[in-house]
């Protein structure tokens, strides 16, 4: 028989008993799906923590407002307190808001990021022009790639007020998520003083604190936490109030989470994969044994008509491979989609890991079929045809 005919015959044989065929594929889907879900989740956590700490450096404490509408805590007064905390080297407040940008009569709503430094953006490049001064801005290369805009004047409209500013340059940088906040590469970058002028207040969405040394990260984070517990007087009694919408995280704690996730989370994912694979091999072995036993008389007739035992074994092995391949592909997609929709961070799975899971799914299917194939290979045509 030609290879094409063997594959076609194997595929038909796999679904000769539709229930058993679908059940076999379903077992592989579950195994591959669990593997895909666990690995993409753990790898996504690692990437999330890496992106959160590596480009900012280890000597970092991040204070972030989770409820951007409240604007209660992260004001200029509190930021000035941060600057006087022992071992604090630098404080970087950041403001994010939406305004209308008017370029030569063409209006566009954009996200604006007000920052005193460009160091908060990883791997940034000023494609044209230079860094902005007090009354200048940087346009995102993704929206405004033309160098002709440099040194041109544009208008920023916010809350019924309009501000004329000059374009100092065009910037590009990758979209970055820092804790719960995303710096989109479509954002307009302006100096912090200009952002405070446009908004008419000094309330920040994010504050990045740089310490003298990474060993002081947790000390500074705890100090910041105590500063965000204001004292409120009620009938001459003092009450501490904790604001749940504020996140205070040190790079040290994130680094520890990273090491733990790297050493434990991935290992845990592979342990779960191993356990489910072993269970699947056992279940598939039972399913394949039942399938082969139901087909044994039919196989005996084919053997009596001249089909060699090698061809029989090849067909059964190909059945297992086809079931494993279909189940692995479906399982990998299903597991990743579940991880994508039910994780608080973006899952990630590399091509190498996809290939690993595919091999696991196919191997599980083939290993589960080994015993019934060996049993079948040891039977003569007469033995097969006598089976009731």
Foldseek 3Di string as FASTA:
>chain_A
DDPVVLLVVLQCLLCVPVVLNVVLLQLLLVLLQLLLQLQLLLVLLLVQLCLQDVLVHQQKKKKFFQPVVPLDPQFPVLQVVLVPPPQWDDKKFKAWDWWWKADPNDIDIAIEIAIQDPSVFGPKDFPEFDDDDQQEKEFQCVVPVDNVQAQPWIWTDDPNDIDIGGYRTYMAGPWGDHPNDIDHSRYMYHHNNVVCVRVVGGGGRMMMIGGNDSVCQVVSLVVSQVVQQDWDDDPNDTDTDHDPSMDIDHSVVSVVVSVCSVVPSNVVSVVVSVVSLVVLLQVLLVSLLVSCLVCLQVVLVVVVVPDDLVSVLVSLLSSLQVSLQSSNVSSSVNSQVCSCVPPPGHTDDDPVRSVVSSVSSSVSSNSSNVVSSVVSSPDHSVRSNPRD
